[in-house]
Amino acid sequence: NDYKFRSVSNLMSLDDRSKLLRRYVVDAMRGGGRGHLGSSMSMIEVLRVLYDSVLKFDALDPELADRDRFILSKGHGCLALYAILADKGFFPVSELESFCLPTSRLGGHPERGKVPGVEASTGALGHGVPIGVGISLAMRLQKRKSRVFVLTGDGEINEGSNWEAAMAAAKHKLSNLTVLVDYNKLQSYGRTADVLDLEPLSDKFKSFGFVTHEVDGHDVSALEKIFKKLPFSKEAPSAIICHTVKGKGFPFAEGNPEWHHKSGLTEDDFRKMYECLQ
């Protein structure tokens, strides 16, 4: 599966919308002079499809009671979330350039209560799925039809809190909960297979009671099709393993752990990034 999905993704060209969202991320990085490029690029298409075609929300009323909830558990990838929230009108696109500046609300990890559209303060890894389980239970008790989506990183699910929450989700048959795994095969300092191998990942989720499917996380059409099938069961939570490429869209960063996070970026670095998005 690793090589099959990676080869498909690497052959795919990015359309104008995917390039635009990536350009927003680069604009933000240029403003702050740093950021998690690789971690953000692997999930652009997942967020794009969620916010374009799946989630119920109102950018003018971010606290709408019946909204769907999206939780970015891998909070260090917040540049991608900021890009799509700005694109949808939660705050001005021009504000992206203030990323990580002392007076900005757009910090290196997303903060609920500061940034409109952010549902949970994350970045202490392993918290997103437990928070999502709690919100899903609350939605059920309130008899709301709202759905909860949690995007977690593959390195992040080394954390045991994810699997404790997964057991609770299955026990309570939380069909309104979907866990998405950004499976880019890399974490901060190396390959997930070398640091702490996750395989067989799909079987792990199935054994914890999730109905599980896999998809190419950069294929917009495939993502739209799989999201339309949710929930996969009325008696169980859903999991979608999204096979992605870290740094997608920037050949020099794709699959390169050195681009997990970059600081001290130069104008030449940004020139090369923008050239990739023409």
C-alpha atoms as a PDB file:
ATOM      1  CA  ASN A   1       0.000   0.000   0.000  1.00  0.00           C
ATOM      2  CA  ASP A   2       2.833   2.406   0.829  1.00  0.00           C
ATOM      3  CA  TYR A   3       4.356   2.336  -2.634  1.00  0.00           C
ATOM      4  CA  LYS A   4       1.045   2.038  -4.461  1.00  0.00           C
ATOM      5  CA  PHE A   5      -0.413   5.199  -2.932  1.00  0.00           C
ATOM      6  CA  ARG A   6       2.806   7.182  -3.070  1.00  0.00           C
ATOM      7  CA  SER A   7       3.302   6.455  -6.760  1.00  0.00           C
ATOM      8  CA  VAL A   8      -0.241   7.562  -7.585  1.00  0.00           C
ATOM      9  CA  SER A   9       0.160  10.787  -5.627  1.00  0.00           C
ATOM     10  CA  ASN A  10       3.507  11.642  -7.177  1.00  0.00           C
ATOM     11  CA  LEU A  11       2.072  11.350 -10.679  1.00  0.00           C
ATOM     12  CA  MET A  12      -0.875  13.622  -9.946  1.00  0.00           C
ATOM     13  CA  SER A  13      -0.654  17.278 -10.957  1.00  0.00           C
ATOM     14  CA  LEU A  14      -2.104  19.874  -8.621  1.00  0.00           C
ATOM     15  CA  ASP A  15      -5.074  21.877  -9.857  1.00  0.00           C
ATOM     16  CA  ASP A  16      -5.432  25.622  -9.392  1.00  0.00           C
ATOM     17  CA  ARG A  17      -7.351  25.353  -6.120  1.00  0.00           C
ATOM     18  CA  SER A  18      -4.728  23.118  -4.500  1.00  0.00           C
ATOM     19  CA  LYS A  19      -2.008  25.492  -5.680  1.00  0.00           C
ATOM     20  CA  LEU A  20      -3.899  28.491  -4.285  1.00  0.00           C
ATOM     21  CA  LEU A  21      -4.196  26.951  -0.834  1.00  0.00           C
ATOM     22  CA  ARG A  22      -0.513  26.033  -0.886  1.00  0.00           C
ATOM     23  CA  ARG A  23       0.305  29.607  -1.899  1.00  0.00           C
ATOM     24  CA  TYR A  24      -1.586  30.840   1.160  1.00  0.00           C
ATOM     25  CA  VAL A  25       0.585  28.591   3.312  1.00  0.00           C
ATOM     26  CA  VAL A  26       3.771  29.954   1.737  1.00  0.00           C
ATOM     27  CA  ASP A  27       2.501  33.526   2.219  1.00  0.00           C
ATOM     28  CA  ALA A  28       2.036  32.776   5.921  1.00  0.00           C
ATOM     29  CA  MET A  29       5.466  31.190   6.215  1.00  0.00           C
ATOM     30  CA  ARG A  30       7.006  34.207   4.549  1.00  0.00           C
ATOM     31  CA  GLY A  31       5.336  36.476   7.092  1.00  0.00           C
ATOM     32  CA  GLY A  32       6.552  34.441  10.052  1.00  0.00           C
ATOM     33  CA  GLY A  33       9.842  33.331   8.555  1.00  0.00           C
ATOM     34  CA  ARG A  34       9.227  29.722   9.523  1.00  0.00           C
ATOM     35  CA  GLY A  35       6.701  26.935   9.736  1.00  0.00           C
ATOM     36  CA  HIS A  36       5.866  23.268   9.276  1.00  0.00           C
ATOM     37  CA  LEU A  37       5.809  23.082   5.491  1.00  0.00           C
ATOM     38  CA  GLY A  38       5.988  19.303   5.086  1.00  0.00           C
ATOM     39  CA  SER A  39       3.361  18.606   7.717  1.00  0.00           C
ATOM     40  CA  SER A  40       0.931  21.101   6.192  1.00  0.00           C
ATOM     41  CA  MET A  41       1.313  20.118   2.546  1.00  0.00           C
ATOM     42  CA  SER A  42       0.393  16.483   3.110  1.00  0.00           C
ATOM     43  CA  MET A  43      -3.140  17.366   4.232  1.00  0.00           C
ATOM     44  CA  ILE A  44      -4.176  20.249   1.945  1.00  0.00           C
ATOM     45  CA  GLU A  45      -6.444  18.102  -0.238  1.00  0.00           C
ATOM     46  CA  VAL A  46      -8.084  16.412   2.761  1.00  0.00           C
ATOM     47  CA  LEU A  47      -8.968  19.793   4.277  1.00  0.00           C
ATOM     48  CA  ARG A  48     -10.005  21.172   0.923  1.00  0.00           C
ATOM     49  CA  VAL A  49     -12.566  18.448   0.321  1.00  0.00           C
ATOM     50  CA  LEU A  50     -13.833  18.569   3.897  1.00  0.00           C
ATOM     51  CA  TYR A  51     -14.471  22.310   3.835  1.00  0.00           C
ATOM     52  CA  ASP A  52     -15.605  22.478   0.183  1.00  0.00           C
ATOM     53  CA  SER A  53     -17.951  19.496   0.155  1.00  0.00           C
ATOM     54  CA  VAL A  54     -18.542  17.874   3.548  1.00  0.00           C
ATOM     55  CA  LEU A  55     -18.606  20.054   6.653  1.00  0.00           C
ATOM     56  CA  LYS A  56     -21.606  22.094   7.739  1.00  0.00           C
ATOM     57  CA  PHE A  57     -20.393  25.475   9.040  1.00  0.00           C
ATOM     58  CA  ASP A  58     -21.016  29.218   8.863  1.00  0.00           C
ATOM     59  CA  ALA A  59     -17.927  31.429   8.719  1.00  0.00           C
ATOM     60  CA  LEU A  60     -20.057  34.390   9.876  1.00  0.00           C
ATOM     61  CA  ASP A  61     -21.280  32.376  12.884  1.00  0.00           C
ATOM     62  CA  PRO A  62     -18.361  30.115  13.906  1.00  0.00           C
ATOM     63  CA  GLU A  63     -20.206  28.936  17.047  1.00  0.00           C
ATOM     64  CA  LEU A  64     -23.329  27.779  15.190  1.00  0.00           C
ATOM     65  CA  ALA A  65     -24.805  25.131  17.487  1.00  0.00           C
ATOM     66  CA  ASP A  66     -25.554  22.587  14.763  1.00  0.00           C
ATOM     67  CA  ARG A  67     -22.246  22.956  12.938  1.00  0.00           C
ATOM     68  CA  ASP A  68     -19.993  20.010  12.217  1.00  0.00           C
ATOM     69  CA  ARG A  69     -16.726  19.983  14.136  1.00  0.00           C
ATOM     70  CA  PHE A  70     -13.265  19.582  12.637  1.00  0.00           C
ATOM     71  CA  ILE A  71     -10.352  19.032  15.023  1.00  0.00           C
ATOM     72  CA  LEU A  72      -6.784  19.253  13.770  1.00  0.00           C
ATOM     73  CA  SER A  73      -5.061  16.957  16.249  1.00  0.00           C
ATOM     74  CA  LYS A  74      -1.630  17.400  14.618  1.00  0.00           C
ATOM     75  CA  GLY A  75      -1.666  21.060  15.574  1.00  0.00           C
ATOM     76  CA  HIS A  76       1.787  21.757  14.164  1.00  0.00           C
ATOM     77  CA  GLY A  77       0.176  21.492  10.710  1.00  0.00           C
ATOM     78  CA  CYS A  78      -1.933  24.562  11.471  1.00  0.00           C
ATOM     79  CA  LEU A  79      -0.746  26.469   8.378  1.00  0.00           C
ATOM     80  CA  ALA A  80      -2.985  24.269   6.236  1.00  0.00           C
ATOM     81  CA  LEU A  81      -5.931  24.875   8.572  1.00  0.00           C
ATOM     82  CA  TYR A  82      -5.327  28.631   8.620  1.00  0.00           C
ATOM     83  CA  ALA A  83      -5.211  28.632   4.808  1.00  0.00           C
ATOM     84  CA  ILE A  84      -8.593  26.951   4.393  1.00  0.00           C
ATOM     85  CA  LEU A  85     -10.224  28.986   7.199  1.00  0.00           C
ATOM     86  CA  ALA A  86      -9.052  32.215   5.575  1.00  0.00           C
ATOM     87  CA  ASP A  87     -10.205  30.957   2.188  1.00  0.00           C
ATOM     88  CA  LYS A  88     -13.667  30.301   3.646  1.00  0.00           C
ATOM     89  CA  GLY A  89     -13.920  33.744   5.231  1.00  0.00           C
ATOM     90  CA  PHE A  90     -13.373  33.021   8.929  1.00  0.00           C
ATOM     91  CA  PHE A  91     -10.763  35.808   8.864  1.00  0.00           C
ATOM     92  CA  PRO A  92      -9.122  37.888   6.098  1.00  0.00           C
ATOM     93  CA  VAL A  93      -6.638  36.181   3.790  1.00  0.00           C
ATOM     94  CA  SER A  94      -4.302  39.131   4.340  1.00  0.00           C
ATOM     95  CA  GLU A  95      -4.022  38.134   8.015  1.00  0.00           C
ATOM     96  CA  LEU A  96      -2.096  35.005   7.048  1.00  0.00           C
ATOM     97  CA  GLU A  97       1.012  37.139   6.594  1.00  0.00           C
ATOM     98  CA  SER A  98       0.983  37.877  10.337  1.00  0.00           C
ATOM     99  CA  PHE A  99       1.644  34.198  11.166  1.00  0.00           C
ATOM    100  CA  CYS A 100       3.769  33.804  14.301  1.00  0.00           C
ATOM    101  CA  LEU A 101       4.388  37.533  14.715  1.00  0.00           C
ATOM    102  CA  PRO A 102       4.228  38.773  18.340  1.00  0.00           C
ATOM    103  CA  THR A 103       0.890  40.555  17.866  1.00  0.00           C
ATOM    104  CA  SER A 104      -0.777  37.829  15.786  1.00  0.00           C
ATOM    105  CA  ARG A 105      -3.491  35.410  16.850  1.00  0.00           C
ATOM    106  CA  LEU A 106      -2.182  32.928  14.268  1.00  0.00           C
ATOM    107  CA  GLY A 107       0.371  31.058  16.317  1.00  0.00           C
ATOM    108  CA  GLY A 108       2.463  28.002  15.612  1.00  0.00           C
ATOM    109  CA  HIS A 109      -0.349  25.855  17.025  1.00  0.00           C
ATOM    110  CA  PRO A 110      -4.078  26.615  16.669  1.00  0.00           C
ATOM    111  CA  GLU A 111      -5.874  28.071  19.677  1.00  0.00           C
ATOM    112  CA  ARG A 112      -9.602  27.833  20.311  1.00  0.00           C
ATOM    113  CA  GLY A 113     -11.036  31.139  21.456  1.00  0.00           C
ATOM    114  CA  LYS A 114      -8.467  33.109  19.485  1.00  0.00           C
ATOM    115  CA  VAL A 115      -8.847  31.917  15.906  1.00  0.00           C
ATOM    116  CA  PRO A 116     -12.387  31.724  14.495  1.00  0.00           C
ATOM    117  CA  GLY A 117     -13.144  28.223  13.240  1.00  0.00           C
ATOM    118  CA  VAL A 118     -10.601  26.463  15.452  1.00  0.00           C
ATOM    119  CA  GLU A 119     -12.467  23.887  17.548  1.00  0.00           C
ATOM    120  CA  ALA A 120      -9.639  22.771  19.858  1.00  0.00           C
ATOM    121  CA  SER A 121      -6.235  23.989  20.986  1.00  0.00           C
ATOM    122  CA  THR A 122      -3.910  21.241  19.826  1.00  0.00           C
ATOM    123  CA  GLY A 123      -0.259  20.481  19.359  1.00  0.00           C
ATOM    124  CA  ALA A 124       0.248  18.527  22.523  1.00  0.00           C
ATOM    125  CA  LEU A 125      -0.005  15.403  20.412  1.00  0.00           C
ATOM    126  CA  GLY A 126      -2.582  12.725  21.081  1.00  0.00           C
ATOM    127  CA  HIS A 127      -5.334  15.034  22.323  1.00  0.00           C
ATOM    128  CA  GLY A 128      -7.507  15.395  19.227  1.00  0.00           C
ATOM    129  CA  VAL A 129      -9.154  11.979  19.189  1.00  0.00           C
ATOM    130  CA  PRO A 130     -10.033  12.074  22.915  1.00  0.00           C
ATOM    131  CA  ILE A 131     -11.530  15.559  22.461  1.00  0.00           C
ATOM    132  CA  GLY A 132     -13.434  14.329  19.410  1.00  0.00           C
ATOM    133  CA  VAL A 133     -14.884  11.410  21.367  1.00  0.00           C
ATOM    134  CA  GLY A 134     -16.100  13.787  24.070  1.00  0.00           C
ATOM    135  CA  ILE A 135     -17.717  16.138  21.555  1.00  0.00           C
ATOM    136  CA  SER A 136     -19.321  13.222  19.676  1.00  0.00           C
ATOM    137  CA  LEU A 137     -20.884  11.959  22.908  1.00  0.00           C
ATOM    138  CA  ALA A 138     -22.116  15.469  23.715  1.00  0.00           C
ATOM    139  CA  MET A 139     -23.706  15.807  20.275  1.00  0.00           C
ATOM    140  CA  ARG A 140     -25.537  12.528  20.804  1.00  0.00           C
ATOM    141  CA  LEU A 141     -26.794  13.554  24.251  1.00  0.00           C
ATOM    142  CA  GLN A 142     -28.010  16.853  22.789  1.00  0.00           C
ATOM    143  CA  LYS A 143     -29.710  14.931  19.964  1.00  0.00           C
ATOM    144  CA  ARG A 144     -27.853  16.933  17.335  1.00  0.00           C
ATOM    145  CA  LYS A 145     -27.021  15.659  13.869  1.00  0.00           C
ATOM    146  CA  SER A 146     -23.599  17.300  13.924  1.00  0.00           C
ATOM    147  CA  ARG A 147     -20.630  15.209  12.844  1.00  0.00           C
ATOM    148  CA  VAL A 148     -17.108  15.277  14.257  1.00  0.00           C
ATOM    149  CA  PHE A 149     -13.969  14.828  12.171  1.00  0.00           C
ATOM    150  CA  VAL A 150     -10.501  14.487  13.707  1.00  0.00           C
ATOM    151  CA  LEU A 151      -7.339  14.624  11.597  1.00  0.00           C
ATOM    152  CA  THR A 152      -4.374  12.987  13.264  1.00  0.00           C
ATOM    153  CA  GLY A 153      -0.811  12.435  12.106  1.00  0.00           C
ATOM    154  CA  ASP A 154       0.742   9.020  11.649  1.00  0.00           C
ATOM    155  CA  GLY A 155       3.626   9.809  14.010  1.00  0.00           C
ATOM    156  CA  GLU A 156       1.124  11.215  16.473  1.00  0.00           C
ATOM    157  CA  ILE A 157      -0.770   7.965  16.810  1.00  0.00           C
ATOM    158  CA  ASN A 158       2.219   6.514  18.601  1.00  0.00           C
ATOM    159  CA  GLU A 159       0.500   8.176  21.566  1.00  0.00           C
ATOM    160  CA  GLY A 160      -1.546   5.750  23.651  1.00  0.00           C
ATOM    161  CA  SER A 161      -4.265   8.332  24.315  1.00  0.00           C
ATOM    162  CA  ASN A 162      -5.470   7.855  20.739  1.00  0.00           C
ATOM    163  CA  TRP A 163      -6.091   4.160  21.277  1.00  0.00           C
ATOM    164  CA  GLU A 164      -7.774   4.680  24.650  1.00  0.00           C
ATOM    165  CA  ALA A 165     -10.137   7.104  22.922  1.00  0.00           C
ATOM    166  CA  ALA A 166     -10.643   4.651  20.055  1.00  0.00           C
ATOM    167  CA  MET A 167     -11.830   1.994  22.506  1.00  0.00           C
ATOM    168  CA  ALA A 168     -14.289   4.468  24.020  1.00  0.00           C
ATOM    169  CA  ALA A 169     -15.543   5.479  20.569  1.00  0.00           C
ATOM    170  CA  ALA A 170     -16.254   1.868  19.655  1.00  0.00           C
ATOM    171  CA  LYS A 171     -17.868   1.107  23.023  1.00  0.00           C
ATOM    172  CA  HIS A 172     -20.305   3.994  22.586  1.00  0.00           C
ATOM    173  CA  LYS A 173     -20.876   3.244  18.877  1.00  0.00           C
ATOM    174  CA  LEU A 174     -20.065   6.807  17.866  1.00  0.00           C
ATOM    175  CA  SER A 175     -21.150   6.732  14.246  1.00  0.00           C
ATOM    176  CA  ASN A 176     -20.971  10.546  14.186  1.00  0.00           C
ATOM    177  CA  LEU A 177     -17.177  10.378  14.630  1.00  0.00           C
ATOM    178  CA  THR A 178     -14.639  10.011  11.810  1.00  0.00           C
ATOM    179  CA  VAL A 179     -10.904   9.747  12.453  1.00  0.00           C
ATOM    180  CA  LEU A 180      -8.662  10.695   9.522  1.00  0.00           C
ATOM    181  CA  VAL A 181      -5.012   9.658   9.503  1.00  0.00           C
ATOM    182  CA  ASP A 182      -2.561  11.771   7.516  1.00  0.00           C
ATOM    183  CA  TYR A 183      -0.365   8.797   6.686  1.00  0.00           C
ATOM    184  CA  ASN A 184       2.633  10.504   5.075  1.00  0.00           C
ATOM    185  CA  LYS A 185       5.070   7.861   6.397  1.00  0.00           C
ATOM    186  CA  LEU A 186       7.347  10.431   8.076  1.00  0.00           C
ATOM    187  CA  GLN A 187       7.519  12.022  11.494  1.00  0.00           C
ATOM    188  CA  SER A 188       9.778  14.691  12.902  1.00  0.00           C
ATOM    189  CA  TYR A 189      13.096  12.910  12.522  1.00  0.00           C
ATOM    190  CA  GLY A 190      12.567   9.868  10.329  1.00  0.00           C
ATOM    191  CA  ARG A 191      10.310   7.291   8.730  1.00  0.00           C
ATOM    192  CA  THR A 192       7.432   6.064  10.870  1.00  0.00           C
ATOM    193  CA  ALA A 193       8.366   2.520   9.884  1.00  0.00           C
ATOM    194  CA  ASP A 194      11.765   3.028  11.512  1.00  0.00           C
ATOM    195  CA  VAL A 195      10.738   5.094  14.540  1.00  0.00           C
ATOM    196  CA  LEU A 196       7.766   2.971  15.579  1.00  0.00           C
ATOM    197  CA  ASP A 197       6.119   0.915  12.857  1.00  0.00           C
ATOM    198  CA  LEU A 198       2.336   1.345  12.627  1.00  0.00           C
ATOM    199  CA  GLU A 199       1.579  -1.509  10.295  1.00  0.00           C
ATOM    200  CA  PRO A 200      -0.818  -3.163   9.899  1.00  0.00           C
ATOM    201  CA  LEU A 201      -2.533   0.207  10.472  1.00  0.00           C
ATOM    202  CA  SER A 202      -5.869  -0.536   8.836  1.00  0.00           C
ATOM    203  CA  ASP A 203      -6.182  -3.781  10.787  1.00  0.00           C
ATOM    204  CA  LYS A 204      -5.369  -1.930  14.017  1.00  0.00           C
ATOM    205  CA  PHE A 205      -8.303   0.451  13.561  1.00  0.00           C
ATOM    206  CA  LYS A 206     -10.569  -2.422  12.588  1.00  0.00           C
ATOM    207  CA  SER A 207      -9.549  -4.362  15.684  1.00  0.00           C
ATOM    208  CA  PHE A 208     -10.468  -1.329  17.807  1.00  0.00           C
ATOM    209  CA  GLY A 209     -13.971  -1.349  16.375  1.00  0.00           C
ATOM    210  CA  PHE A 210     -13.721   1.190  13.565  1.00  0.00           C
ATOM    211  CA  VAL A 211     -15.059   0.595  10.070  1.00  0.00           C
ATOM    212  CA  THR A 212     -11.960   1.526   8.103  1.00  0.00           C
ATOM    213  CA  HIS A 213     -11.128   2.498   4.518  1.00  0.00           C
ATOM    214  CA  GLU A 214      -7.976   3.724   2.784  1.00  0.00           C
ATOM    215  CA  VAL A 215      -7.651   6.423   0.122  1.00  0.00           C
ATOM    216  CA  ASP A 216      -5.075   8.461  -1.754  1.00  0.00           C
ATOM    217  CA  GLY A 217      -5.083  11.647   0.293  1.00  0.00           C
ATOM    218  CA  HIS A 218      -4.174  13.858  -2.665  1.00  0.00           C
ATOM    219  CA  ASP A 219      -6.853  12.554  -5.034  1.00  0.00           C
ATOM    220  CA  VAL A 220      -9.714  15.043  -4.698  1.00  0.00           C
ATOM    221  CA  SER A 221     -12.187  12.868  -6.587  1.00  0.00           C
ATOM    222  CA  ALA A 222     -11.378   9.791  -4.494  1.00  0.00           C
ATOM    223  CA  LEU A 223     -11.676  11.811  -1.291  1.00  0.00           C
ATOM    224  CA  GLU A 224     -15.068  13.168  -2.323  1.00  0.00           C
ATOM    225  CA  LYS A 225     -16.329   9.662  -3.065  1.00  0.00           C
ATOM    226  CA  ILE A 226     -15.166   8.178   0.234  1.00  0.00           C
ATOM    227  CA  PHE A 227     -16.548  11.070   2.307  1.00  0.00           C
ATOM    228  CA  LYS A 228     -19.960  10.651   0.663  1.00  0.00           C
ATOM    229  CA  LYS A 229     -20.131   7.128   2.104  1.00  0.00           C
ATOM    230  CA  LEU A 230     -19.901   8.356   5.708  1.00  0.00           C
ATOM    231  CA  PRO A 231     -20.825   7.102   8.166  1.00  0.00           C
ATOM    232  CA  PHE A 232     -19.578   3.701   7.084  1.00  0.00           C
ATOM    233  CA  SER A 233     -21.798   2.138   9.750  1.00  0.00           C
ATOM    234  CA  LYS A 234     -24.655   3.341  11.969  1.00  0.00           C
ATOM    235  CA  GLU A 235     -23.235   1.232  14.811  1.00  0.00           C
ATOM    236  CA  ALA A 236     -19.536   2.152  14.780  1.00  0.00           C
ATOM    237  CA  PRO A 237     -17.075   5.028  14.353  1.00  0.00           C
ATOM    238  CA  SER A 238     -15.356   5.477  10.992  1.00  0.00           C
ATOM    239  CA  ALA A 239     -11.657   5.748  10.130  1.00  0.00           C
ATOM    240  CA  ILE A 240     -10.092   6.844   6.849  1.00  0.00           C
ATOM    241  CA  ILE A 241      -6.387   6.265   6.327  1.00  0.00           C
ATOM    242  CA  CYS A 242      -5.241   8.936   3.884  1.00  0.00           C
ATOM    243  CA  HIS A 243      -2.027   7.946   2.127  1.00  0.00           C
ATOM    244  CA  THR A 244      -0.157  11.181   1.511  1.00  0.00           C
ATOM    245  CA  VAL A 245       3.238  12.620   0.638  1.00  0.00           C
ATOM    246  CA  LYS A 246       4.908  14.907   3.141  1.00  0.00           C
ATOM    247  CA  GLY A 247       5.772  18.200   1.455  1.00  0.00           C
ATOM    248  CA  LYS A 248       3.443  17.453  -1.484  1.00  0.00           C
ATOM    249  CA  GLY A 249       3.778  20.012  -4.280  1.00  0.00           C
ATOM    250  CA  PHE A 250       7.403  20.947  -3.580  1.00  0.00           C
ATOM    251  CA  PRO A 251       9.819  18.394  -5.104  1.00  0.00           C
ATOM    252  CA  PHE A 252      12.703  19.464  -2.852  1.00  0.00           C
ATOM    253  CA  ALA A 253      10.557  18.849   0.242  1.00  0.00           C
ATOM    254  CA  GLU A 254       8.580  15.751  -0.752  1.00  0.00           C
ATOM    255  CA  GLY A 255       9.479  12.870   1.527  1.00  0.00           C
ATOM    256  CA  ASN A 256      12.291  14.912   3.072  1.00  0.00           C
ATOM    257  CA  PRO A 257      12.297  14.956   6.923  1.00  0.00           C
ATOM    258  CA  GLU A 258      14.384  18.132   6.869  1.00  0.00           C
ATOM    259  CA  TRP A 259      11.259  19.998   5.771  1.00  0.00           C
ATOM    260  CA  HIS A 260       9.147  18.829   8.706  1.00  0.00           C
ATOM    261  CA  HIS A 261       9.772  22.325  10.086  1.00  0.00           C
ATOM    262  CA  LYS A 262      11.952  25.110   8.684  1.00  0.00           C
ATOM    263  CA  SER A 263      13.158  28.378  10.174  1.00  0.00           C
ATOM    264  CA  GLY A 264      15.551  30.999   8.899  1.00  0.00           C
ATOM    265  CA  LEU A 265      14.039  30.774   5.425  1.00  0.00           C
ATOM    266  CA  THR A 266      15.572  33.021   2.754  1.00  0.00           C
ATOM    267  CA  GLU A 267      14.056  34.927  -0.152  1.00  0.00           C
ATOM    268  CA  ASP A 268      15.610  32.322  -2.439  1.00  0.00           C
ATOM    269  CA  ASP A 269      13.745  29.591  -0.537  1.00  0.00           C
ATOM    270  CA  PHE A 270      10.471  31.407  -1.053  1.00  0.00           C
ATOM    271  CA  ARG A 271      11.240  32.027  -4.719  1.00  0.00           C
ATOM    272  CA  LYS A 272      11.657  28.291  -5.241  1.00  0.00           C
ATOM    273  CA  MET A 273       8.370  27.587  -3.402  1.00  0.00           C
ATOM    274  CA  TYR A 274       6.390  30.074  -5.475  1.00  0.00           C
ATOM    275  CA  GLU A 275       7.917  28.710  -8.685  1.00  0.00           C
ATOM    276  CA  CYS A 276       6.509  25.280  -7.829  1.00  0.00           C
ATOM    277  CA  LEU A 277       3.002  26.762  -7.667  1.00  0.00           C
ATOM    278  CA  GLN A 278       2.959  28.524 -11.037  1.00  0.00           C
END
